Amino acid sequence: MPVLERQATVNGTAAAVFDFLHTPEQRPVWDTSVDLCRLEGDAVAAGSRLHLRGRRKAPSWVGEYVEVVRPTRSVLRLVEGVGMPFA
């Protein structure tokens, strides 16, 4: 299975960056294909689901966290989505 990775250098702690990337309201700030993001559950944790609505022609989809190791790693698997360029 292909792995999507991106790297960037930021001035912040690993915990602060992880929190920013995993706050649903911040998702449209750093992911330009997302118009709306909503988390099912109280916190990002294994088993919680993330609902994303695509901006313009981008697909909308639902993912489920299968692994969360704060502040270094999270694994999100596709649960639902039509026309997805990934699985």
C-alpha atoms as a PDB file:
ATOM      1  CA  MET A   1       0.000   0.000   0.000  1.00  0.00           C
ATOM      2  CA  PRO A   2       1.423   3.412  -0.919  1.00  0.00           C
ATOM      3  CA  VAL A   3       2.218   5.786   1.916  1.00  0.00           C
ATOM      4  CA  LEU A   4       1.598   9.512   1.651  1.00  0.00           C
ATOM      5  CA  GLU A   5       4.319  11.565   3.296  1.00  0.00           C
ATOM      6  CA  ARG A   6       5.062  15.271   3.353  1.00  0.00           C
ATOM      7  CA  GLN A   7       7.747  17.166   5.224  1.00  0.00           C
ATOM      8  CA  ALA A   8       7.980  20.753   6.384  1.00  0.00           C
ATOM      9  CA  THR A   9      10.083  22.667   8.872  1.00  0.00           C
ATOM     10  CA  VAL A  10       8.106  24.694  11.414  1.00  0.00           C
ATOM     11  CA  ASN A  11       8.946  26.603  14.539  1.00  0.00           C
ATOM     12  CA  GLY A  12       6.964  24.711  17.165  1.00  0.00           C
ATOM     13  CA  THR A  13       7.002  21.666  19.385  1.00  0.00           C
ATOM     14  CA  ALA A  14       5.985  18.288  18.017  1.00  0.00           C
ATOM     15  CA  ALA A  15       2.940  18.331  20.291  1.00  0.00           C
ATOM     16  CA  ALA A  16       1.807  21.773  19.071  1.00  0.00           C
ATOM     17  CA  VAL A  17       2.183  20.775  15.416  1.00  0.00           C
ATOM     18  CA  PHE A  18       0.375  17.473  15.983  1.00  0.00           C
ATOM     19  CA  ASP A  19      -2.492  19.280  17.719  1.00  0.00           C
ATOM     20  CA  PHE A  20      -2.768  21.829  14.880  1.00  0.00           C
ATOM     21  CA  LEU A  21      -2.846  19.104  12.215  1.00  0.00           C
ATOM     22  CA  HIS A  22      -5.449  17.104  14.137  1.00  0.00           C
ATOM     23  CA  THR A  23      -7.844  19.931  15.042  1.00  0.00           C
ATOM     24  CA  PRO A  24     -10.807  19.606  12.649  1.00  0.00           C
ATOM     25  CA  GLU A  25     -11.362  23.387  12.394  1.00  0.00           C
ATOM     26  CA  GLN A  26      -7.735  23.814  11.247  1.00  0.00           C
ATOM     27  CA  ARG A  27      -7.891  21.185   8.472  1.00  0.00           C
ATOM     28  CA  PRO A  28      -9.125  23.639   5.784  1.00  0.00           C
ATOM     29  CA  VAL A  29      -6.198  25.937   6.683  1.00  0.00           C
ATOM     30  CA  TRP A  30      -3.533  23.415   5.644  1.00  0.00           C
ATOM     31  CA  ASP A  31      -5.515  21.099   3.315  1.00  0.00           C
ATOM     32  CA  THR A  32      -6.779  23.213   0.428  1.00  0.00           C
ATOM     33  CA  SER A  33      -8.997  20.404  -0.907  1.00  0.00           C
ATOM     34  CA  VAL A  34     -11.114  20.375   2.289  1.00  0.00           C
ATOM     35  CA  ASP A  35     -14.055  22.706   2.810  1.00  0.00           C
ATOM     36  CA  LEU A  36     -15.356  21.248   6.087  1.00  0.00           C
ATOM     37  CA  CYS A  37     -13.974  18.773   8.608  1.00  0.00           C
ATOM     38  CA  ARG A  38     -15.799  17.163  11.533  1.00  0.00           C
ATOM     39  CA  LEU A  39     -14.570  14.647  14.104  1.00  0.00           C
ATOM     40  CA  GLU A  40     -16.887  12.024  15.592  1.00  0.00           C
ATOM     41  CA  GLY A  41     -16.006  11.575  19.231  1.00  0.00           C
ATOM     42  CA  ASP A  42     -14.359  13.655  21.888  1.00  0.00           C
ATOM     43  CA  ALA A  43     -10.761  13.403  20.713  1.00  0.00           C
ATOM     44  CA  VAL A  44      -8.503  12.017  18.008  1.00  0.00           C
ATOM     45  CA  ALA A  45      -8.044   8.400  19.062  1.00  0.00           C
ATOM     46  CA  ALA A  46      -8.086   4.951  17.517  1.00  0.00           C
ATOM     47  CA  GLY A  47     -11.650   4.303  16.399  1.00  0.00           C
ATOM     48  CA  SER A  48     -12.703   7.945  16.031  1.00  0.00           C
ATOM     49  CA  ARG A  49     -13.986   8.981  12.615  1.00  0.00           C
ATOM     50  CA  LEU A  50     -13.178  12.049  10.566  1.00  0.00           C
ATOM     51  CA  HIS A  51     -15.705  13.418   8.039  1.00  0.00           C
ATOM     52  CA  LEU A  52     -14.286  15.621   5.291  1.00  0.00           C
ATOM     53  CA  ARG A  53     -16.228  17.566   2.684  1.00  0.00           C
ATOM     54  CA  GLY A  54     -14.256  18.268  -0.465  1.00  0.00           C
ATOM     55  CA  ARG A  55     -13.927  21.766  -1.865  1.00  0.00           C
ATOM     56  CA  ARG A  56     -15.237  22.214  -5.421  1.00  0.00           C
ATOM     57  CA  LYS A  57     -14.514  18.972  -7.295  1.00  0.00           C
ATOM     58  CA  ALA A  58     -12.536  17.293  -4.513  1.00  0.00           C
ATOM     59  CA  PRO A  59     -14.252  14.185  -3.120  1.00  0.00           C
ATOM     60  CA  SER A  60     -15.869  14.026   0.296  1.00  0.00           C
ATOM     61  CA  TRP A  61     -14.896  11.094   2.475  1.00  0.00           C
ATOM     62  CA  VAL A  62     -14.906   9.497   5.909  1.00  0.00           C
ATOM     63  CA  GLY A  63     -11.797   8.134   7.553  1.00  0.00           C
ATOM     64  CA  GLU A  64     -11.241   6.210  10.761  1.00  0.00           C
ATOM     65  CA  TYR A  65      -8.134   6.532  12.892  1.00  0.00           C
ATOM     66  CA  VAL A  66      -6.586   3.108  13.362  1.00  0.00           C
ATOM     67  CA  GLU A  67      -3.511   4.327  15.209  1.00  0.00           C
ATOM     68  CA  VAL A  68      -2.703   7.515  17.111  1.00  0.00           C
ATOM     69  CA  VAL A  69       0.681   7.988  18.765  1.00  0.00           C
ATOM     70  CA  ARG A  70       0.712  11.604  19.893  1.00  0.00           C
ATOM     71  CA  PRO A  71       2.775  13.607  18.960  1.00  0.00           C
ATOM     72  CA  THR A  72       4.513  11.624  16.232  1.00  0.00           C
ATOM     73  CA  ARG A  73       2.108   9.524  14.196  1.00  0.00           C
ATOM     74  CA  SER A  74      -1.474   8.920  13.158  1.00  0.00           C
ATOM     75  CA  VAL A  75      -2.894   6.416  10.700  1.00  0.00           C
ATOM     76  CA  LEU A  76      -6.219   7.121   9.032  1.00  0.00           C
ATOM     77  CA  ARG A  77      -7.969   4.530   6.866  1.00  0.00           C
ATOM     78  CA  LEU A  78     -10.629   5.261   4.272  1.00  0.00           C
ATOM     79  CA  VAL A  79     -14.062   4.065   5.399  1.00  0.00           C
ATOM     80  CA  GLU A  80     -16.326   5.723   2.855  1.00  0.00           C
ATOM     81  CA  GLY A  81     -15.910   7.869  -0.229  1.00  0.00           C
ATOM     82  CA  VAL A  82     -16.853   7.858  -3.891  1.00  0.00           C
ATOM     83  CA  GLY A  83     -14.321   8.547  -6.629  1.00  0.00           C
ATOM     84  CA  MET A  84     -11.379   8.472  -4.258  1.00  0.00           C
ATOM     85  CA  PRO A  85      -7.881   8.636  -5.764  1.00  0.00           C
ATOM     86  CA  PHE A  86      -6.671   6.484  -2.835  1.00  0.00           C
ATOM     87  CA  ALA A  87      -7.890   3.516  -0.784  1.00  0.00           C
END
